[in-house]
Amino acid sequence: MATTARHAATLALAYALSAAERGLPVFPLSPTKLPALRSPHRDQPGPVLCRGECGLPGHGVYDATTDPVAVRALFDAAPWATGYGIACGRPPYHLIGIDLDISGHEPAVGNTPDSVAALQQIAFEHLFTLPETVTVLTPSGGRHIWLSGPANVVVPNSAGRLAPGIDVRGTGGYLVGPGSVSARGAYRLAPGTADLAAPAPCPRALLRLLAPPARAAHARPGRPGRQGEGLVQFVLAAHEGQRNTRLFWAACRAYEHGFGELLADTLVEAALHTGLTEQEARATVASARRLTRER
């Protein structure tokens, strides 16, 4: 068993270094698909607005780097890592991930899983075609479609906002890299996409659906900014026994400061990475919304 774990860790580092060489910022993941290194601020009360400025590893996606020396150092600090994450929204590709959930329990339309059919319907209604691009097959039978976005557009993370079973990984999020091994199995490139050098540009019509217009954000009473990022990191740093409590606390603070609706999907996404189900996470955020409104 130990030999198998060491082999998986060695392969994870090799795949991560290869991705970094192609310009993709990477960091180590544990078999649970969470960042392998725990936050150095995890025992401090309240959210800590640190994205690695302290100089210590353990800031999740903010540890991501293309520097091979730094990549090796991160994996040396996490010898149990069996996979690697790729930070989205970062240059040179400003990666956007379309995560199609194709689990065995998902109802299907004919032979097409619901999430795939939903994406096809969205493309039909909004008059765009998904380009041939890098696609990663997940152990659950799902797939991650990689697209590149423009440098001046921020695509937020969301879970099910585009359609049920379709999650979006954008700025501040990450995708599990091909070659990673999780507790459920391996991530691998889909046949025919291994030779593609880079993700294809995101169709403009799809980009408009993924990135809310700037005027909608200004119409809100408040904007997340660095405080919102701190709340997300606070949720990501939760371990078993803290997950609901941290999510509820963070959501309450977000709604109290007027940007709860803007941050809700991102908080749910962070909670999913800690092990909560989407139903649990959304129920907790809804409770925080109700409580702050009553106040």
C-alpha atoms as a PDB file:
ATOM      1  CA  MET A   1       0.000   0.000   0.000  1.00  0.00           C
ATOM      2  CA  ALA A   2       2.827   2.400   0.943  1.00  0.00           C
ATOM      3  CA  THR A   3       4.582   1.633  -2.335  1.00  0.00           C
ATOM      4  CA  THR A   4       1.397   2.374  -4.278  1.00  0.00           C
ATOM      5  CA  ALA A   5       0.960   5.682  -2.451  1.00  0.00           C
ATOM      6  CA  ARG A   6       4.560   6.687  -3.161  1.00  0.00           C
ATOM      7  CA  HIS A   7       4.121   5.771  -6.820  1.00  0.00           C
ATOM      8  CA  ALA A   8       0.946   7.898  -7.047  1.00  0.00           C
ATOM      9  CA  ALA A   9       2.746  10.821  -5.387  1.00  0.00           C
ATOM     10  CA  THR A  10       5.684  10.533  -7.778  1.00  0.00           C
ATOM     11  CA  LEU A  11       3.362  10.486 -10.781  1.00  0.00           C
ATOM     12  CA  ALA A  12       1.377  13.444  -9.433  1.00  0.00           C
ATOM     13  CA  LEU A  13       4.551  15.514  -9.194  1.00  0.00           C
ATOM     14  CA  ALA A  14       5.611  14.490 -12.701  1.00  0.00           C
ATOM     15  CA  TYR A  15       2.237  15.441 -14.178  1.00  0.00           C
ATOM     16  CA  ALA A  16       2.207  18.713 -12.215  1.00  0.00           C
ATOM     17  CA  LEU A  17       5.668  19.658 -13.485  1.00  0.00           C
ATOM     18  CA  SER A  18       4.583  18.889 -17.039  1.00  0.00           C
ATOM     19  CA  ALA A  19       1.509  21.120 -16.655  1.00  0.00           C
ATOM     20  CA  ALA A  20       3.595  23.910 -15.125  1.00  0.00           C
ATOM     21  CA  GLU A  21       5.990  23.720 -18.066  1.00  0.00           C
ATOM     22  CA  ARG A  22       3.000  24.439 -20.337  1.00  0.00           C
ATOM     23  CA  GLY A  23       2.141  27.578 -18.335  1.00  0.00           C
ATOM     24  CA  LEU A  24      -0.540  26.114 -16.052  1.00  0.00           C
ATOM     25  CA  PRO A  25      -0.209  27.168 -12.360  1.00  0.00           C
ATOM     26  CA  VAL A  26      -0.369  24.045 -10.161  1.00  0.00           C
ATOM     27  CA  PHE A  27      -0.421  22.993  -6.490  1.00  0.00           C
ATOM     28  CA  PRO A  28      -0.703  19.602  -4.721  1.00  0.00           C
ATOM     29  CA  LEU A  29      -4.018  17.905  -3.908  1.00  0.00           C
ATOM     30  CA  SER A  30      -4.815  15.143  -1.449  1.00  0.00           C
ATOM     31  CA  PRO A  31      -6.815  12.031  -2.462  1.00  0.00           C
ATOM     32  CA  THR A  32      -9.950  13.939  -1.357  1.00  0.00           C
ATOM     33  CA  LYS A  33      -9.279  16.519  -4.131  1.00  0.00           C
ATOM     34  CA  LEU A  34      -8.743  19.197  -1.493  1.00  0.00           C
ATOM     35  CA  PRO A  35      -5.503  21.198  -1.188  1.00  0.00           C
ATOM     36  CA  ALA A  36      -2.946  18.844   0.348  1.00  0.00           C
ATOM     37  CA  LEU A  37      -1.406  21.499   2.587  1.00  0.00           C
ATOM     38  CA  ARG A  38      -3.522  22.805   5.451  1.00  0.00           C
ATOM     39  CA  SER A  39      -3.805  26.528   6.035  1.00  0.00           C
ATOM     40  CA  PRO A  40      -1.150  27.957   8.392  1.00  0.00           C
ATOM     41  CA  HIS A  41      -3.921  30.218   9.718  1.00  0.00           C
ATOM     42  CA  ARG A  42      -6.412  27.443  10.480  1.00  0.00           C
ATOM     43  CA  ASP A  43      -6.296  27.935  14.269  1.00  0.00           C
ATOM     44  CA  GLN A  44      -6.801  31.686  14.141  1.00  0.00           C
ATOM     45  CA  PRO A  45     -10.320  32.979  14.935  1.00  0.00           C
ATOM     46  CA  GLY A  46     -12.267  34.517  12.087  1.00  0.00           C
ATOM     47  CA  PRO A  47     -11.248  34.763   8.433  1.00  0.00           C
ATOM     48  CA  VAL A  48      -7.644  35.632   7.592  1.00  0.00           C
ATOM     49  CA  LEU A  49      -7.184  37.775   4.490  1.00  0.00           C
ATOM     50  CA  CYS A  50      -3.942  36.117   3.430  1.00  0.00           C
ATOM     51  CA  ARG A  51      -3.314  34.748  -0.043  1.00  0.00           C
ATOM     52  CA  GLY A  52       0.233  33.630   0.637  1.00  0.00           C
ATOM     53  CA  GLU A  53       1.652  37.019   1.622  1.00  0.00           C
ATOM     54  CA  CYS A  54       2.829  35.422   4.867  1.00  0.00           C
ATOM     55  CA  GLY A  55       5.325  33.377   2.854  1.00  0.00           C
ATOM     56  CA  LEU A  56       4.047  30.029   4.123  1.00  0.00           C
ATOM     57  CA  PRO A  57       2.427  27.320   1.976  1.00  0.00           C
ATOM     58  CA  GLY A  58      -1.100  26.169   2.659  1.00  0.00           C
ATOM     59  CA  HIS A  59      -3.196  28.801   0.891  1.00  0.00           C
ATOM     60  CA  GLY A  60      -4.869  26.422  -1.528  1.00  0.00           C
ATOM     61  CA  VAL A  61      -5.243  27.752  -5.033  1.00  0.00           C
ATOM     62  CA  TYR A  62      -3.108  30.790  -4.128  1.00  0.00           C
ATOM     63  CA  ASP A  63      -0.102  28.456  -3.796  1.00  0.00           C
ATOM     64  CA  ALA A  64      -0.409  27.606  -7.488  1.00  0.00           C
ATOM     65  CA  THR A  65       2.761  28.299  -9.461  1.00  0.00           C
ATOM     66  CA  THR A  66       4.511  27.494 -12.732  1.00  0.00           C
ATOM     67  CA  ASP A  67       7.988  27.683 -11.157  1.00  0.00           C
ATOM     68  CA  PRO A  68       9.345  24.098 -11.171  1.00  0.00           C
ATOM     69  CA  VAL A  69      11.451  24.728  -8.047  1.00  0.00           C
ATOM     70  CA  ALA A  70       8.406  26.023  -6.171  1.00  0.00           C
ATOM     71  CA  VAL A  71       6.272  23.132  -7.454  1.00  0.00           C
ATOM     72  CA  ARG A  72       8.803  20.609  -6.115  1.00  0.00           C
ATOM     73  CA  ALA A  73       8.916  22.419  -2.782  1.00  0.00           C
ATOM     74  CA  LEU A  74       5.122  22.251  -2.440  1.00  0.00           C
ATOM     75  CA  PHE A  75       5.075  18.522  -3.192  1.00  0.00           C
ATOM     76  CA  ASP A  76       8.011  17.920  -0.837  1.00  0.00           C
ATOM     77  CA  ALA A  77       5.902  19.537   1.901  1.00  0.00           C
ATOM     78  CA  ALA A  78       2.949  17.279   1.003  1.00  0.00           C
ATOM     79  CA  PRO A  79       4.366  13.794   0.262  1.00  0.00           C
ATOM     80  CA  TRP A  80       0.848  12.351   0.624  1.00  0.00           C
ATOM     81  CA  ALA A  81      -0.410  14.319  -2.395  1.00  0.00           C
ATOM     82  CA  THR A  82      -1.711  12.082  -5.173  1.00  0.00           C
ATOM     83  CA  GLY A  83      -2.923  14.790  -7.502  1.00  0.00           C
ATOM     84  CA  TYR A  84      -2.583  18.403  -8.462  1.00  0.00           C
ATOM     85  CA  GLY A  85      -4.902  21.312  -8.958  1.00  0.00           C
ATOM     86  CA  ILE A  86      -4.729  23.822 -11.794  1.00  0.00           C
ATOM     87  CA  ALA A  87      -5.661  27.387 -10.868  1.00  0.00           C
ATOM     88  CA  CYS A  88      -8.320  28.910 -13.104  1.00  0.00           C
ATOM     89  CA  GLY A  89      -8.446  32.514 -14.223  1.00  0.00           C
ATOM     90  CA  ARG A  90      -4.675  32.929 -14.219  1.00  0.00           C
ATOM     91  CA  PRO A  91      -2.469  33.922 -17.184  1.00  0.00           C
ATOM     92  CA  PRO A  92      -1.561  32.906 -19.788  1.00  0.00           C
ATOM     93  CA  TYR A  93      -4.807  31.012 -20.504  1.00  0.00           C
ATOM     94  CA  HIS A  94      -7.205  32.464 -17.893  1.00  0.00           C
ATOM     95  CA  LEU A  95      -8.616  28.957 -17.689  1.00  0.00           C
ATOM     96  CA  ILE A  96     -12.371  28.396 -17.390  1.00  0.00           C
ATOM     97  CA  GLY A  97     -13.602  24.920 -16.477  1.00  0.00           C
ATOM     98  CA  ILE A  98     -17.047  23.591 -17.373  1.00  0.00           C
ATOM     99  CA  ASP A  99     -17.632  20.673 -15.015  1.00  0.00           C
ATOM    100  CA  LEU A 100     -20.306  18.271 -16.285  1.00  0.00           C
ATOM    101  CA  ASP A 101     -21.591  15.963 -13.577  1.00  0.00           C
ATOM    102  CA  ILE A 102     -22.339  12.598 -15.150  1.00  0.00           C
ATOM    103  CA  SER A 103     -22.745  10.429 -12.064  1.00  0.00           C
ATOM    104  CA  GLY A 104     -24.381   7.043 -12.257  1.00  0.00           C
ATOM    105  CA  HIS A 105     -27.513   8.231 -10.446  1.00  0.00           C
ATOM    106  CA  GLU A 106     -28.122  11.147 -12.774  1.00  0.00           C
ATOM    107  CA  PRO A 107     -31.223  10.635 -14.936  1.00  0.00           C
ATOM    108  CA  ALA A 108     -30.551  10.613 -18.643  1.00  0.00           C
ATOM    109  CA  VAL A 109     -32.371  11.815 -21.708  1.00  0.00           C
ATOM    110  CA  GLY A 110     -32.139   8.852 -24.046  1.00  0.00           C
ATOM    111  CA  ASN A 111     -28.466   7.924 -23.917  1.00  0.00           C
ATOM    112  CA  THR A 112     -27.315  11.479 -23.147  1.00  0.00           C
ATOM    113  CA  PRO A 113     -26.724  12.473 -19.503  1.00  0.00           C
ATOM    114  CA  ASP A 114     -28.761  15.454 -18.325  1.00  0.00           C
ATOM    115  CA  SER A 115     -25.790  17.790 -17.868  1.00  0.00           C
ATOM    116  CA  VAL A 116     -24.548  17.135 -21.420  1.00  0.00           C
ATOM    117  CA  ALA A 117     -28.056  17.570 -22.836  1.00  0.00           C
ATOM    118  CA  ALA A 118     -28.457  20.784 -20.838  1.00  0.00           C
ATOM    119  CA  LEU A 119     -25.208  22.207 -22.219  1.00  0.00           C
ATOM    120  CA  GLN A 120     -26.248  21.248 -25.744  1.00  0.00           C
ATOM    121  CA  GLN A 121     -29.581  22.994 -25.231  1.00  0.00           C
ATOM    122  CA  ILE A 122     -27.872  26.126 -23.909  1.00  0.00           C
ATOM    123  CA  ALA A 123     -25.563  26.162 -26.946  1.00  0.00           C
ATOM    124  CA  PHE A 124     -28.566  25.789 -29.257  1.00  0.00           C
ATOM    125  CA  GLU A 125     -30.566  28.556 -27.576  1.00  0.00           C
ATOM    126  CA  HIS A 126     -27.661  31.014 -27.461  1.00  0.00           C
ATOM    127  CA  LEU A 127     -26.258  30.211 -30.891  1.00  0.00           C
ATOM    128  CA  PHE A 128     -22.770  28.989 -30.123  1.00  0.00           C
ATOM    129  CA  THR A 129     -20.793  25.811 -30.711  1.00  0.00           C
ATOM    130  CA  LEU A 130     -18.382  24.381 -28.201  1.00  0.00           C
ATOM    131  CA  PRO A 131     -14.949  24.202 -29.853  1.00  0.00           C
ATOM    132  CA  GLU A 132     -12.685  21.185 -29.842  1.00  0.00           C
ATOM    133  CA  THR A 133     -10.664  21.644 -26.683  1.00  0.00           C
ATOM    134  CA  VAL A 134      -8.889  19.905 -23.819  1.00  0.00           C
ATOM    135  CA  THR A 135     -11.310  17.614 -21.980  1.00  0.00           C
ATOM    136  CA  VAL A 136     -10.587  15.637 -18.833  1.00  0.00           C
ATOM    137  CA  LEU A 137     -12.590  12.545 -17.860  1.00  0.00           C
ATOM    138  CA  THR A 138     -13.344  12.210 -14.144  1.00  0.00           C
ATOM    139  CA  PRO A 139     -13.561   8.982 -12.087  1.00  0.00           C
ATOM    140  CA  SER A 140     -17.323   9.457 -11.618  1.00  0.00           C
ATOM    141  CA  GLY A 141     -17.903   9.465 -15.368  1.00  0.00           C
ATOM    142  CA  GLY A 142     -18.096  13.241 -15.642  1.00  0.00           C
ATOM    143  CA  ARG A 143     -15.895  15.522 -17.677  1.00  0.00           C
ATOM    144  CA  HIS A 144     -14.126  18.847 -17.375  1.00  0.00           C
ATOM    145  CA  ILE A 145     -14.170  21.014 -20.483  1.00  0.00           C
ATOM    146  CA  TRP A 146     -11.285  23.490 -20.576  1.00  0.00           C
ATOM    147  CA  LEU A 147     -11.717  26.903 -22.205  1.00  0.00           C
ATOM    148  CA  SER A 148      -9.538  30.004 -22.190  1.00  0.00           C
ATOM    149  CA  GLY A 149     -10.982  33.395 -21.375  1.00  0.00           C
ATOM    150  CA  PRO A 150      -9.920  36.961 -22.063  1.00  0.00           C
ATOM    151  CA  ALA A 151      -7.638  38.651 -19.531  1.00  0.00           C
ATOM    152  CA  ASN A 152     -10.114  41.429 -18.752  1.00  0.00           C
ATOM    153  CA  VAL A 153     -13.090  39.206 -17.855  1.00  0.00           C
ATOM    154  CA  VAL A 154     -13.559  37.637 -14.421  1.00  0.00           C
ATOM    155  CA  VAL A 155     -15.590  34.438 -14.493  1.00  0.00           C
ATOM    156  CA  PRO A 156     -16.916  33.532 -11.016  1.00  0.00           C
ATOM    157  CA  ASN A 157     -17.233  30.015  -9.675  1.00  0.00           C
ATOM    158  CA  SER A 158     -20.741  28.622  -9.567  1.00  0.00           C
ATOM    159  CA  ALA A 159     -22.521  25.366  -8.831  1.00  0.00           C
ATOM    160  CA  GLY A 160     -25.616  24.598 -10.878  1.00  0.00           C
ATOM    161  CA  ARG A 161     -26.252  28.236 -11.825  1.00  0.00           C
ATOM    162  CA  LEU A 162     -25.852  27.631 -15.558  1.00  0.00           C
ATOM    163  CA  ALA A 163     -27.956  24.449 -15.363  1.00  0.00           C
ATOM    164  CA  PRO A 164     -28.371  21.528 -12.946  1.00  0.00           C
ATOM    165  CA  GLY A 165     -25.306  19.279 -13.060  1.00  0.00           C
ATOM    166  CA  ILE A 166     -23.097  21.979 -14.609  1.00  0.00           C
ATOM    167  CA  ASP A 167     -20.557  23.681 -12.365  1.00  0.00           C
ATOM    168  CA  VAL A 168     -18.198  26.438 -13.469  1.00  0.00           C
ATOM    169  CA  ARG A 169     -14.630  26.843 -12.283  1.00  0.00           C
ATOM    170  CA  GLY A 170     -13.381  30.389 -12.707  1.00  0.00           C
ATOM    171  CA  THR A 171     -11.227  32.915 -10.906  1.00  0.00           C
ATOM    172  CA  GLY A 172     -10.284  31.635  -7.456  1.00  0.00           C
ATOM    173  CA  GLY A 173     -11.260  28.071  -8.367  1.00  0.00           C
ATOM    174  CA  TYR A 174      -9.309  25.108  -9.639  1.00  0.00           C
ATOM    175  CA  LEU A 175      -9.598  21.976 -11.731  1.00  0.00           C
ATOM    176  CA  VAL A 176      -8.135  18.583 -10.866  1.00  0.00           C
ATOM    177  CA  GLY A 177      -5.353  17.998 -13.383  1.00  0.00           C
ATOM    178  CA  PRO A 178      -5.204  14.948 -15.660  1.00  0.00           C
ATOM    179  CA  GLY A 179      -3.014  12.231 -14.206  1.00  0.00           C
ATOM    180  CA  SER A 180      -4.244  12.943 -10.680  1.00  0.00           C
ATOM    181  CA  VAL A 181      -5.533  10.061  -8.572  1.00  0.00           C
ATOM    182  CA  SER A 182      -8.311  10.652  -6.054  1.00  0.00           C
ATOM    183  CA  ALA A 183      -9.986   8.299  -3.612  1.00  0.00           C
ATOM    184  CA  ARG A 184     -12.503   7.511  -6.374  1.00  0.00           C
ATOM    185  CA  GLY A 185     -10.035   6.921  -9.202  1.00  0.00           C
ATOM    186  CA  ALA A 186      -7.908   8.626 -11.832  1.00  0.00           C
ATOM    187  CA  TYR A 187      -8.435  11.731 -13.953  1.00  0.00           C
ATOM    188  CA  ARG A 188      -7.374  11.309 -17.564  1.00  0.00           C
ATOM    189  CA  LEU A 189      -7.423  13.200 -20.833  1.00  0.00           C
ATOM    190  CA  ALA A 190     -10.282  12.306 -23.142  1.00  0.00           C
ATOM    191  CA  PRO A 191      -9.268  10.481 -26.336  1.00  0.00           C
ATOM    192  CA  GLY A 192      -8.417  12.912 -29.089  1.00  0.00           C
ATOM    193  CA  THR A 193      -7.596  15.840 -26.800  1.00  0.00           C
ATOM    194  CA  ALA A 194      -4.176  14.770 -25.522  1.00  0.00           C
ATOM    195  CA  ASP A 195      -2.375  16.427 -28.435  1.00  0.00           C
ATOM    196  CA  LEU A 196      -4.077  19.804 -28.019  1.00  0.00           C
ATOM    197  CA  ALA A 197      -1.504  22.338 -26.885  1.00  0.00           C
ATOM    198  CA  ALA A 198      -3.887  24.734 -25.145  1.00  0.00           C
ATOM    199  CA  PRO A 199      -7.566  25.194 -24.249  1.00  0.00           C
ATOM    200  CA  ALA A 200      -9.683  26.723 -27.001  1.00  0.00           C
ATOM    201  CA  PRO A 201     -11.126  30.237 -26.565  1.00  0.00           C
ATOM    202  CA  CYS A 202     -14.489  30.380 -24.823  1.00  0.00           C
ATOM    203  CA  PRO A 203     -17.300  31.300 -27.263  1.00  0.00           C
ATOM    204  CA  ARG A 204     -18.431  34.872 -26.662  1.00  0.00           C
ATOM    205  CA  ALA A 205     -22.074  33.907 -26.196  1.00  0.00           C
ATOM    206  CA  LEU A 206     -21.118  31.386 -23.506  1.00  0.00           C
ATOM    207  CA  LEU A 207     -18.775  33.900 -21.868  1.00  0.00           C
ATOM    208  CA  ARG A 208     -21.677  36.335 -21.512  1.00  0.00           C
ATOM    209  CA  LEU A 209     -23.600  33.667 -19.603  1.00  0.00           C
ATOM    210  CA  LEU A 210     -20.646  32.822 -17.352  1.00  0.00           C
ATOM    211  CA  ALA A 211     -19.505  36.341 -16.492  1.00  0.00           C
ATOM    212  CA  PRO A 212     -22.215  38.641 -15.109  1.00  0.00           C
ATOM    213  CA  PRO A 213     -22.184  42.156 -16.591  1.00  0.00           C
ATOM    214  CA  ALA A 214     -20.334  44.772 -14.573  1.00  0.00           C
ATOM    215  CA  ARG A 215     -23.451  46.914 -14.117  1.00  0.00           C
ATOM    216  CA  ALA A 216     -25.188  44.075 -12.241  1.00  0.00           C
ATOM    217  CA  ALA A 217     -22.372  44.009  -9.715  1.00  0.00           C
ATOM    218  CA  HIS A 218     -22.488  47.795  -9.195  1.00  0.00           C
ATOM    219  CA  ALA A 219     -26.229  47.631  -8.583  1.00  0.00           C
ATOM    220  CA  ARG A 220     -25.602  45.623  -5.409  1.00  0.00           C
ATOM    221  CA  PRO A 221     -25.229  47.418  -2.051  1.00  0.00           C
ATOM    222  CA  GLY A 222     -21.781  45.876  -1.529  1.00  0.00           C
ATOM    223  CA  ARG A 223     -19.017  43.972  -3.340  1.00  0.00           C
ATOM    224  CA  PRO A 224     -16.962  41.090  -1.944  1.00  0.00           C
ATOM    225  CA  GLY A 225     -13.398  42.264  -2.702  1.00  0.00           C
ATOM    226  CA  ARG A 226     -10.647  40.938  -0.456  1.00  0.00           C
ATOM    227  CA  GLN A 227     -13.060  40.410   2.434  1.00  0.00           C
ATOM    228  CA  GLY A 228     -15.081  38.021   0.286  1.00  0.00           C
ATOM    229  CA  GLU A 229     -11.904  36.139  -0.658  1.00  0.00           C
ATOM    230  CA  GLY A 230     -11.069  35.834   3.028  1.00  0.00           C
ATOM    231  CA  LEU A 231     -14.488  34.347   3.766  1.00  0.00           C
ATOM    232  CA  VAL A 232     -14.038  31.806   0.988  1.00  0.00           C
ATOM    233  CA  GLN A 233     -10.617  30.813   2.341  1.00  0.00           C
ATOM    234  CA  PHE A 234     -12.135  30.554   5.834  1.00  0.00           C
ATOM    235  CA  VAL A 235     -14.629  27.992   4.502  1.00  0.00           C
ATOM    236  CA  LEU A 236     -11.958  26.102   2.544  1.00  0.00           C
ATOM    237  CA  ALA A 237      -9.836  25.737   5.689  1.00  0.00           C
ATOM    238  CA  ALA A 238     -12.621  23.876   7.523  1.00  0.00           C
ATOM    239  CA  HIS A 239     -12.084  20.283   8.549  1.00  0.00           C
ATOM    240  CA  GLU A 240     -14.605  17.686   9.668  1.00  0.00           C
ATOM    241  CA  GLY A 241     -16.750  19.026  12.476  1.00  0.00           C
ATOM    242  CA  GLN A 242     -16.324  22.649  11.361  1.00  0.00           C
ATOM    243  CA  ARG A 243     -17.686  22.646   7.841  1.00  0.00           C
ATOM    244  CA  ASN A 244     -21.286  23.747   8.451  1.00  0.00           C
ATOM    245  CA  THR A 245     -20.321  26.133  11.240  1.00  0.00           C
ATOM    246  CA  ARG A 246     -17.676  27.907   9.155  1.00  0.00           C
ATOM    247  CA  LEU A 247     -19.930  28.091   6.115  1.00  0.00           C
ATOM    248  CA  PHE A 248     -22.802  29.517   8.178  1.00  0.00           C
ATOM    249  CA  TRP A 249     -20.522  32.107   9.836  1.00  0.00           C
ATOM    250  CA  ALA A 250     -19.022  33.189   6.501  1.00  0.00           C
ATOM    251  CA  ALA A 251     -22.421  33.437   4.807  1.00  0.00           C
ATOM    252  CA  CYS A 252     -23.806  35.537   7.679  1.00  0.00           C
ATOM    253  CA  ARG A 253     -20.881  37.972   7.392  1.00  0.00           C
ATOM    254  CA  ALA A 254     -21.355  38.201   3.617  1.00  0.00           C
ATOM    255  CA  TYR A 255     -25.077  38.989   3.906  1.00  0.00           C
ATOM    256  CA  GLU A 256     -24.490  41.446   6.744  1.00  0.00           C
ATOM    257  CA  HIS A 257     -22.044  43.376   4.555  1.00  0.00           C
ATOM    258  CA  GLY A 258     -24.358  43.435   1.559  1.00  0.00           C
ATOM    259  CA  PHE A 259     -22.658  41.018  -0.848  1.00  0.00           C
ATOM    260  CA  GLY A 260     -24.238  37.743   0.223  1.00  0.00           C
ATOM    261  CA  GLU A 261     -26.011  37.153  -3.067  1.00  0.00           C
ATOM    262  CA  LEU A 262     -22.813  37.839  -5.018  1.00  0.00           C
ATOM    263  CA  LEU A 263     -20.772  35.438  -2.892  1.00  0.00           C
ATOM    264  CA  ALA A 264     -23.338  32.698  -2.244  1.00  0.00           C
ATOM    265  CA  ASP A 265     -22.417  30.418  -5.168  1.00  0.00           C
ATOM    266  CA  THR A 266     -18.693  30.770  -4.438  1.00  0.00           C
ATOM    267  CA  LEU A 267     -19.234  29.897  -0.766  1.00  0.00           C
ATOM    268  CA  VAL A 268     -21.258  26.851  -1.794  1.00  0.00           C
ATOM    269  CA  GLU A 269     -18.460  25.829  -4.174  1.00  0.00           C
ATOM    270  CA  ALA A 270     -15.895  26.172  -1.370  1.00  0.00           C
ATOM    271  CA  ALA A 271     -18.085  24.066   0.925  1.00  0.00           C
ATOM    272  CA  LEU A 272     -18.303  21.330  -1.726  1.00  0.00           C
ATOM    273  CA  HIS A 273     -14.503  21.135  -1.684  1.00  0.00           C
ATOM    274  CA  THR A 274     -14.572  20.528   2.082  1.00  0.00           C
ATOM    275  CA  GLY A 275     -16.910  17.564   1.722  1.00  0.00           C
ATOM    276  CA  LEU A 276     -20.401  19.012   2.189  1.00  0.00           C
ATOM    277  CA  THR A 277     -23.049  18.082  -0.335  1.00  0.00           C
ATOM    278  CA  GLU A 278     -24.558  20.821  -2.475  1.00  0.00           C
ATOM    279  CA  GLN A 279     -27.918  20.364  -0.727  1.00  0.00           C
ATOM    280  CA  GLU A 280     -26.306  20.786   2.712  1.00  0.00           C
ATOM    281  CA  ALA A 281     -24.283  23.810   1.606  1.00  0.00           C
ATOM    282  CA  ARG A 282     -27.184  25.621  -0.022  1.00  0.00           C
ATOM    283  CA  ALA A 283     -29.415  24.936   2.997  1.00  0.00           C
ATOM    284  CA  THR A 284     -26.773  26.422   5.308  1.00  0.00           C
ATOM    285  CA  VAL A 285     -26.377  29.532   3.132  1.00  0.00           C
ATOM    286  CA  ALA A 286     -30.170  29.902   2.968  1.00  0.00           C
ATOM    287  CA  SER A 287     -30.325  29.743   6.788  1.00  0.00           C
ATOM    288  CA  ALA A 288     -27.723  32.505   7.004  1.00  0.00           C
ATOM    289  CA  ARG A 289     -29.733  34.608   4.541  1.00  0.00           C
ATOM    290  CA  ARG A 290     -32.934  34.188   6.570  1.00  0.00           C
ATOM    291  CA  LEU A 291     -31.201  34.985   9.869  1.00  0.00           C
ATOM    292  CA  THR A 292     -29.574  38.199   8.612  1.00  0.00           C
ATOM    293  CA  ARG A 293     -32.847  39.373   7.045  1.00  0.00           C
ATOM    294  CA  GLU A 294     -34.691  38.809  10.328  1.00  0.00           C
ATOM    295  CA  ARG A 295     -32.063  40.897  12.082  1.00  0.00           C
END
